[in-house]
Amino acid sequence: MSDRLTIDLNLCDGCGICVDSCPTDVLRQDPVAQKAVIAYPDDCQACYLCQDDCPQHCIAVSFSSENPRRKSIYDLLGIA
């Protein structure tokens, strides 16, 4: 289990879109259950691609996860 990423296996239909969309290979397809699993949770960069691409909306990335690429230049410079 990951504190950054969760998969609702009751909703997952095993389409594999999230596995294909993950740029850091965090997600894998379980060959037995035919569902997505979090194989390498520490490698998750919180890019939200798996969450955004999942047609079943069964993946959630914690908003408390740090990802400096999701901040604007105004956030980085402290400009309101």
PDB file of N, CA and C in Angstrom:
ATOM      1  N   MET A   1       0.847  -1.184   0.000  1.00  0.00           N
ATOM      2  CA  MET A   1       0.000   0.000   0.000  1.00  0.00           C
ATOM      3  C   MET A   1       0.887   1.239   0.000  1.00  0.00           C
ATOM      4  N   SER A   2       0.443   2.231  -0.682  1.00  0.00           N
ATOM      5  CA  SER A   2       1.196   3.473  -0.816  1.00  0.00           C
ATOM      6  C   SER A   2       0.435   4.602  -0.148  1.00  0.00           C
ATOM      7  N   ASP A   3       1.161   5.516   0.488  1.00  0.00           N
ATOM      8  CA  ASP A   3       0.494   6.682   1.055  1.00  0.00           C
ATOM      9  C   ASP A   3       0.264   7.759   0.001  1.00  0.00           C
ATOM     10  N   ARG A   4       0.871   7.592  -1.144  1.00  0.00           N
ATOM     11  CA  ARG A   4       0.789   8.558  -2.226  1.00  0.00           C
ATOM     12  C   ARG A   4      -0.252   8.155  -3.282  1.00  0.00           C
ATOM     13  N   LEU A   5      -0.456   6.857  -3.434  1.00  0.00           N
ATOM     14  CA  LEU A   5      -1.248   6.334  -4.540  1.00  0.00           C
ATOM     15  C   LEU A   5      -2.112   5.177  -4.057  1.00  0.00           C
ATOM     16  N   THR A   6      -3.378   5.167  -4.453  1.00  0.00           N
ATOM     17  CA  THR A   6      -4.269   4.055  -4.112  1.00  0.00           C
ATOM     18  C   THR A   6      -5.065   3.629  -5.335  1.00  0.00           C
ATOM     19  N   ILE A   7      -5.405   2.350  -5.373  1.00  0.00           N
ATOM     20  CA  ILE A   7      -6.223   1.789  -6.445  1.00  0.00           C
ATOM     21  C   ILE A   7      -7.412   1.084  -5.813  1.00  0.00           C
ATOM     22  N   ASP A   8      -8.610   1.440  -6.233  1.00  0.00           N
ATOM     23  CA  ASP A   8      -9.814   0.744  -5.776  1.00  0.00           C
ATOM     24  C   ASP A   8      -9.999  -0.473  -6.679  1.00  0.00           C
ATOM     25  N   LEU A   9      -9.611  -1.631  -6.188  1.00  0.00           N
ATOM     26  CA  LEU A   9      -9.658  -2.846  -6.998  1.00  0.00           C
ATOM     27  C   LEU A   9     -11.080  -3.302  -7.297  1.00  0.00           C
ATOM     28  N   ASN A  10     -12.056  -2.797  -6.557  1.00  0.00           N
ATOM     29  CA  ASN A  10     -13.454  -3.112  -6.865  1.00  0.00           C
ATOM     30  C   ASN A  10     -13.917  -2.418  -8.146  1.00  0.00           C
ATOM     31  N   LEU A  11     -13.297  -1.282  -8.461  1.00  0.00           N
ATOM     32  CA  LEU A  11     -13.653  -0.544  -9.669  1.00  0.00           C
ATOM     33  C   LEU A  11     -12.753  -0.871 -10.862  1.00  0.00           C
ATOM     34  N   CYS A  12     -11.536  -1.305 -10.583  1.00  0.00           N
ATOM     35  CA  CYS A  12     -10.559  -1.582 -11.643  1.00  0.00           C
ATOM     36  C   CYS A  12     -11.046  -2.734 -12.523  1.00  0.00           C
ATOM     37  N   ASP A  13     -11.048  -2.492 -13.839  1.00  0.00           N
ATOM     38  CA  ASP A  13     -11.448  -3.555 -14.770  1.00  0.00           C
ATOM     39  C   ASP A  13     -10.254  -4.176 -15.485  1.00  0.00           C
ATOM     40  N   GLY A  14      -9.039  -3.746 -15.115  1.00  0.00           N
ATOM     41  CA  GLY A  14      -7.835  -4.350 -15.676  1.00  0.00           C
ATOM     42  C   GLY A  14      -7.501  -3.929 -17.081  1.00  0.00           C
ATOM     43  N   CYS A  15      -7.964  -2.759 -17.502  1.00  0.00           N
ATOM     44  CA  CYS A  15      -7.727  -2.322 -18.878  1.00  0.00           C
ATOM     45  C   CYS A  15      -6.247  -2.053 -19.161  1.00  0.00           C
ATOM     46  N   GLY A  16      -5.466  -1.670 -18.129  1.00  0.00           N
ATOM     47  CA  GLY A  16      -4.036  -1.443 -18.296  1.00  0.00           C
ATOM     48  C   GLY A  16      -3.647  -0.063 -18.767  1.00  0.00           C
ATOM     49  N   ILE A  17      -4.600   0.825 -18.928  1.00  0.00           N
ATOM     50  CA  ILE A  17      -4.281   2.176 -19.392  1.00  0.00           C
ATOM     51  C   ILE A  17      -3.377   2.889 -18.405  1.00  0.00           C
ATOM     52  N   CYS A  18      -3.629   2.715 -17.120  1.00  0.00           N
ATOM     53  CA  CYS A  18      -2.794   3.364 -16.101  1.00  0.00           C
ATOM     54  C   CYS A  18      -1.371   2.830 -16.138  1.00  0.00           C
ATOM     55  N   VAL A  19      -1.226   1.543 -16.372  1.00  0.00           N
ATOM     56  CA  VAL A  19       0.106   0.934 -16.455  1.00  0.00           C
ATOM     57  C   VAL A  19       0.874   1.537 -17.622  1.00  0.00           C
ATOM     58  N   ASP A  20       0.197   1.712 -18.741  1.00  0.00           N
ATOM     59  CA  ASP A  20       0.837   2.295 -19.922  1.00  0.00           C
ATOM     60  C   ASP A  20       1.145   3.775 -19.741  1.00  0.00           C
ATOM     61  N   SER A  21       0.339   4.483 -18.967  1.00  0.00           N
ATOM     62  CA  SER A  21       0.532   5.924 -18.832  1.00  0.00           C
ATOM     63  C   SER A  21       1.556   6.315 -17.772  1.00  0.00           C
ATOM     64  N   CYS A  22       1.953   5.391 -16.908  1.00  0.00           N
ATOM     65  CA  CYS A  22       2.893   5.714 -15.835  1.00  0.00           C
ATOM     66  C   CYS A  22       4.314   5.844 -16.378  1.00  0.00           C
ATOM     67  N   PRO A  23       4.894   7.050 -16.323  1.00  0.00           N
ATOM     68  CA  PRO A  23       6.229   7.248 -16.886  1.00  0.00           C
ATOM     69  C   PRO A  23       7.357   6.656 -16.037  1.00  0.00           C
ATOM     70  N   THR A  24       7.093   6.335 -14.772  1.00  0.00           N
ATOM     71  CA  THR A  24       8.143   5.792 -13.911  1.00  0.00           C
ATOM     72  C   THR A  24       7.926   4.327 -13.577  1.00  0.00           C
ATOM     73  N   ASP A  25       7.008   3.671 -14.271  1.00  0.00           N
ATOM     74  CA  ASP A  25       6.804   2.228 -14.150  1.00  0.00           C
ATOM     75  C   ASP A  25       6.406   1.800 -12.731  1.00  0.00           C
ATOM     76  N   VAL A  26       5.616   2.635 -12.060  1.00  0.00           N
ATOM     77  CA  VAL A  26       5.153   2.338 -10.706  1.00  0.00           C
ATOM     78  C   VAL A  26       4.090   1.251 -10.721  1.00  0.00           C
ATOM     79  N   LEU A  27       3.242   1.291 -11.710  1.00  0.00           N
ATOM     80  CA  LEU A  27       2.120   0.359 -11.797  1.00  0.00           C
ATOM     81  C   LEU A  27       2.438  -0.818 -12.707  1.00  0.00           C
ATOM     82  N   ARG A  28       1.937  -1.959 -12.330  1.00  0.00           N
ATOM     83  CA  ARG A  28       2.076  -3.181 -13.132  1.00  0.00           C
ATOM     84  C   ARG A  28       0.728  -3.878 -13.196  1.00  0.00           C
ATOM     85  N   GLN A  29       0.575  -4.745 -14.160  1.00  0.00           N
ATOM     86  CA  GLN A  29      -0.635  -5.551 -14.300  1.00  0.00           C
ATOM     87  C   GLN A  29      -0.409  -6.873 -13.582  1.00  0.00           C
ATOM     88  N   ASP A  30      -1.249  -7.180 -12.612  1.00  0.00           N
ATOM     89  CA  ASP A  30      -1.167  -8.459 -11.908  1.00  0.00           C
ATOM     90  C   ASP A  30      -1.658  -9.543 -12.859  1.00  0.00           C
ATOM     91  N   PRO A  31      -0.802 -10.508 -13.220  1.00  0.00           N
ATOM     92  CA  PRO A  31      -1.195 -11.523 -14.203  1.00  0.00           C
ATOM     93  C   PRO A  31      -2.286 -12.465 -13.711  1.00  0.00           C
ATOM     94  N   VAL A  32      -2.400 -12.641 -12.408  1.00  0.00           N
ATOM     95  CA  VAL A  32      -3.418 -13.534 -11.866  1.00  0.00           C
ATOM     96  C   VAL A  32      -4.757 -12.816 -11.723  1.00  0.00           C
ATOM     97  N   ALA A  33      -4.752 -11.670 -11.036  1.00  0.00           N
ATOM     98  CA  ALA A  33      -5.993 -10.926 -10.788  1.00  0.00           C
ATOM     99  C   ALA A  33      -6.444 -10.117 -12.000  1.00  0.00           C
ATOM    100  N   GLN A  34      -5.530  -9.890 -12.956  1.00  0.00           N
ATOM    101  CA  GLN A  34      -5.824  -9.075 -14.131  1.00  0.00           C
ATOM    102  C   GLN A  34      -6.286  -7.671 -13.739  1.00  0.00           C
ATOM    103  N   LYS A  35      -5.578  -7.107 -12.758  1.00  0.00           N
ATOM    104  CA  LYS A  35      -5.866  -5.754 -12.292  1.00  0.00           C
ATOM    105  C   LYS A  35      -4.547  -5.031 -12.079  1.00  0.00           C
ATOM    106  N   ALA A  36      -4.606  -3.710 -12.033  1.00  0.00           N
ATOM    107  CA  ALA A  36      -3.415  -2.912 -11.796  1.00  0.00           C
ATOM    108  C   ALA A  36      -2.992  -3.026 -10.336  1.00  0.00           C
ATOM    109  N   VAL A  37      -1.688  -3.073 -10.119  1.00  0.00           N
ATOM    110  CA  VAL A  37      -1.137  -3.087  -8.765  1.00  0.00           C
ATOM    111  C   VAL A  37      -0.023  -2.053  -8.670  1.00  0.00           C
ATOM    112  N   ILE A  38       0.202  -1.580  -7.460  1.00  0.00           N
ATOM    113  CA  ILE A  38       1.271  -0.620  -7.207  1.00  0.00           C
ATOM    114  C   ILE A  38       2.532  -1.422  -6.906  1.00  0.00           C
ATOM    115  N   ALA A  39       3.386  -1.552  -7.900  1.00  0.00           N
ATOM    116  CA  ALA A  39       4.570  -2.394  -7.769  1.00  0.00           C
ATOM    117  C   ALA A  39       5.739  -1.666  -7.113  1.00  0.00           C
ATOM    118  N   TYR A  40       5.910  -0.400  -7.411  1.00  0.00           N
ATOM    119  CA  TYR A  40       7.047   0.376  -6.907  1.00  0.00           C
ATOM    120  C   TYR A  40       6.555   1.716  -6.351  1.00  0.00           C
ATOM    121  N   PRO A  41       5.903   1.714  -5.191  1.00  0.00           N
ATOM    122  CA  PRO A  41       5.288   2.936  -4.656  1.00  0.00           C
ATOM    123  C   PRO A  41       6.282   4.072  -4.401  1.00  0.00           C
ATOM    124  N   ASP A  42       7.505   3.748  -4.037  1.00  0.00           N
ATOM    125  CA  ASP A  42       8.489   4.797  -3.752  1.00  0.00           C
ATOM    126  C   ASP A  42       8.929   5.550  -5.001  1.00  0.00           C
ATOM    127  N   ASP A  43       8.663   4.997  -6.173  1.00  0.00           N
ATOM    128  CA  ASP A  43       9.045   5.660  -7.417  1.00  0.00           C
ATOM    129  C   ASP A  43       7.972   6.618  -7.935  1.00  0.00           C
ATOM    130  N   CYS A  44       6.814   6.654  -7.283  1.00  0.00           N
ATOM    131  CA  CYS A  44       5.725   7.528  -7.730  1.00  0.00           C
ATOM    132  C   CYS A  44       6.139   8.987  -7.605  1.00  0.00           C
ATOM    133  N   GLN A  45       5.983   9.731  -8.693  1.00  0.00           N
ATOM    134  CA  GLN A  45       6.340  11.143  -8.741  1.00  0.00           C
ATOM    135  C   GLN A  45       5.124  12.050  -8.622  1.00  0.00           C
ATOM    136  N   ALA A  46       3.959  11.468  -8.352  1.00  0.00           N
ATOM    137  CA  ALA A  46       2.706  12.220  -8.217  1.00  0.00           C
ATOM    138  C   ALA A  46       2.453  13.091  -9.438  1.00  0.00           C
ATOM    139  N   CYS A  47       2.595  12.497 -10.609  1.00  0.00           N
ATOM    140  CA  CYS A  47       2.363  13.240 -11.844  1.00  0.00           C
ATOM    141  C   CYS A  47       0.883  13.255 -12.234  1.00  0.00           C
ATOM    142  N   TYR A  48       0.092  12.396 -11.605  1.00  0.00           N
ATOM    143  CA  TYR A  48      -1.356  12.320 -11.794  1.00  0.00           C
ATOM    144  C   TYR A  48      -1.774  11.753 -13.150  1.00  0.00           C
ATOM    145  N   LEU A  49      -0.850  11.266 -13.957  1.00  0.00           N
ATOM    146  CA  LEU A  49      -1.214  10.725 -15.262  1.00  0.00           C
ATOM    147  C   LEU A  49      -2.088   9.485 -15.134  1.00  0.00           C
ATOM    148  N   CYS A  50      -1.755   8.594 -14.210  1.00  0.00           N
ATOM    149  CA  CYS A  50      -2.564   7.380 -14.048  1.00  0.00           C
ATOM    150  C   CYS A  50      -3.971   7.734 -13.596  1.00  0.00           C
ATOM    151  N   GLN A  51      -4.080   8.664 -12.662  1.00  0.00           N
ATOM    152  CA  GLN A  51      -5.391   9.092 -12.177  1.00  0.00           C
ATOM    153  C   GLN A  51      -6.199   9.754 -13.285  1.00  0.00           C
ATOM    154  N   ASP A  52      -5.559  10.618 -14.048  1.00  0.00           N
ATOM    155  CA  ASP A  52      -6.248  11.328 -15.123  1.00  0.00           C
ATOM    156  C   ASP A  52      -6.658  10.409 -16.268  1.00  0.00           C
ATOM    157  N   ASP A  53      -5.855   9.384 -16.552  1.00  0.00           N
ATOM    158  CA  ASP A  53      -6.116   8.510 -17.691  1.00  0.00           C
ATOM    159  C   ASP A  53      -7.052   7.348 -17.385  1.00  0.00           C
ATOM    160  N   CYS A  54      -7.266   7.025 -16.114  1.00  0.00           N
ATOM    161  CA  CYS A  54      -8.075   5.861 -15.754  1.00  0.00           C
ATOM    162  C   CYS A  54      -9.545   6.079 -16.114  1.00  0.00           C
ATOM    163  N   PRO A  55     -10.087   5.274 -17.024  1.00  0.00           N
ATOM    164  CA  PRO A  55     -11.489   5.453 -17.416  1.00  0.00           C
ATOM    165  C   PRO A  55     -12.479   5.028 -16.324  1.00  0.00           C
ATOM    166  N   GLN A  56     -12.031   4.210 -15.384  1.00  0.00           N
ATOM    167  CA  GLN A  56     -12.908   3.750 -14.302  1.00  0.00           C
ATOM    168  C   GLN A  56     -12.819   4.650 -13.065  1.00  0.00           C
ATOM    169  N   HIS A  57     -11.897   5.604 -13.078  1.00  0.00           N
ATOM    170  CA  HIS A  57     -11.685   6.522 -11.957  1.00  0.00           C
ATOM    171  C   HIS A  57     -11.431   5.769 -10.652  1.00  0.00           C
ATOM    172  N   CYS A  58     -10.626   4.733 -10.734  1.00  0.00           N
ATOM    173  CA  CYS A  58     -10.348   3.920  -9.543  1.00  0.00           C
ATOM    174  C   CYS A  58      -8.999   4.232  -8.917  1.00  0.00           C
ATOM    175  N   ILE A  59      -8.244   5.170  -9.501  1.00  0.00           N
ATOM    176  CA  ILE A  59      -6.929   5.521  -8.973  1.00  0.00           C
ATOM    177  C   ILE A  59      -6.994   6.904  -8.354  1.00  0.00           C
ATOM    178  N   ALA A  60      -6.387   7.013  -7.178  1.00  0.00           N
ATOM    179  CA  ALA A  60      -6.325   8.308  -6.498  1.00  0.00           C
ATOM    180  C   ALA A  60      -4.893   8.585  -6.082  1.00  0.00           C
ATOM    181  N   VAL A  61      -4.434   9.773  -6.430  1.00  0.00           N
ATOM    182  CA  VAL A  61      -3.124  10.237  -5.997  1.00  0.00           C
ATOM    183  C   VAL A  61      -3.375  11.278  -4.914  1.00  0.00           C
ATOM    184  N   SER A  62      -2.703  11.141  -3.797  1.00  0.00           N
ATOM    185  CA  SER A  62      -2.906  12.043  -2.673  1.00  0.00           C
ATOM    186  C   SER A  62      -2.487  13.462  -3.039  1.00  0.00           C
ATOM    187  N   PHE A  63      -3.343  14.417  -2.730  1.00  0.00           N
ATOM    188  CA  PHE A  63      -3.011  15.816  -3.010  1.00  0.00           C
ATOM    189  C   PHE A  63      -1.944  16.342  -2.066  1.00  0.00           C
ATOM    190  N   SER A  64      -1.643  15.597  -1.006  1.00  0.00           N
ATOM    191  CA  SER A  64      -0.575  16.018  -0.096  1.00  0.00           C
ATOM    192  C   SER A  64       0.796  15.621  -0.626  1.00  0.00           C
ATOM    193  N   SER A  65       0.823  14.897  -1.739  1.00  0.00           N
ATOM    194  CA  SER A  65       2.095  14.492  -2.336  1.00  0.00           C
ATOM    195  C   SER A  65       2.774  15.693  -2.971  1.00  0.00           C
ATOM    196  N   GLU A  66       4.051  15.811  -2.733  1.00  0.00           N
ATOM    197  CA  GLU A  66       4.827  16.904  -3.305  1.00  0.00           C
ATOM    198  C   GLU A  66       5.215  16.594  -4.742  1.00  0.00           C
ATOM    199  N   ASN A  67       4.978  17.505  -5.606  1.00  0.00           N
ATOM    200  CA  ASN A  67       5.435  17.424  -6.985  1.00  0.00           C
ATOM    201  C   ASN A  67       5.696  18.844  -7.451  1.00  0.00           C
ATOM    202  N   PRO A  68       6.947  19.254  -7.481  1.00  0.00           N
ATOM    203  CA  PRO A  68       7.249  20.637  -7.836  1.00  0.00           C
ATOM    204  C   PRO A  68       6.818  21.014  -9.246  1.00  0.00           C
ATOM    205  N   ARG A  69       6.617  20.033 -10.106  1.00  0.00           N
ATOM    206  CA  ARG A  69       6.176  20.344 -11.471  1.00  0.00           C
ATOM    207  C   ARG A  69       4.720  20.789 -11.515  1.00  0.00           C
ATOM    208  N   ARG A  70       3.949  20.556 -10.447  1.00  0.00           N
ATOM    209  CA  ARG A  70       2.547  20.953 -10.418  1.00  0.00           C
ATOM    210  C   ARG A  70       2.365  22.328  -9.796  1.00  0.00           C
ATOM    211  N   LYS A  71       3.452  23.035  -9.515  1.00  0.00           N
ATOM    212  CA  LYS A  71       3.384  24.379  -8.964  1.00  0.00           C
ATOM    213  C   LYS A  71       3.698  25.376 -10.067  1.00  0.00           C
ATOM    214  N   SER A  72       3.054  26.518  -9.978  1.00  0.00           N
ATOM    215  CA  SER A  72       3.338  27.546 -10.969  1.00  0.00           C
ATOM    216  C   SER A  72       4.558  28.359 -10.544  1.00  0.00           C
ATOM    217  N   ILE A  73       5.050  29.148 -11.437  1.00  0.00           N
ATOM    218  CA  ILE A  73       6.186  30.012 -11.132  1.00  0.00           C
ATOM    219  C   ILE A  73       5.806  31.004 -10.040  1.00  0.00           C
ATOM    220  N   TYR A  74       4.522  31.368  -9.959  1.00  0.00           N
ATOM    221  CA  TYR A  74       4.066  32.288  -8.919  1.00  0.00           C
ATOM    222  C   TYR A  74       4.195  31.647  -7.536  1.00  0.00           C
ATOM    223  N   ASP A  75       3.904  30.327  -7.450  1.00  0.00           N
ATOM    224  CA  ASP A  75       4.066  29.626  -6.184  1.00  0.00           C
ATOM    225  C   ASP A  75       5.539  29.592  -5.772  1.00  0.00           C
ATOM    226  N   LEU A  76       6.392  29.290  -6.734  1.00  0.00           N
ATOM    227  CA  LEU A  76       7.818  29.173  -6.436  1.00  0.00           C
ATOM    228  C   LEU A  76       8.448  30.500  -6.021  1.00  0.00           C
ATOM    229  N   LEU A  77       7.944  31.604  -6.585  1.00  0.00           N
ATOM    230  CA  LEU A  77       8.489  32.924  -6.255  1.00  0.00           C
ATOM    231  C   LEU A  77       7.759  33.594  -5.096  1.00  0.00           C
ATOM    232  N   GLY A  78       6.687  32.983  -4.609  1.00  0.00           N
ATOM    233  CA  GLY A  78       5.929  33.546  -3.499  1.00  0.00           C
ATOM    234  C   GLY A  78       5.080  34.718  -3.882  1.00  0.00           C
ATOM    235  N   ILE A  79       4.667  34.773  -5.124  1.00  0.00           N
ATOM    236  CA  ILE A  79       3.826  35.869  -5.608  1.00  0.00           C
ATOM    237  C   ILE A  79       2.372  35.428  -5.522  1.00  0.00           C
ATOM    238  N   ALA A  80       1.544  36.253  -4.896  1.00  0.00           N
ATOM    239  CA  ALA A  80       0.118  35.893  -4.744  1.00  0.00           C
ATOM    240  C   ALA A  80      -0.689  36.291  -5.945  1.00  0.00           C
TER     241      ALA A  80
END
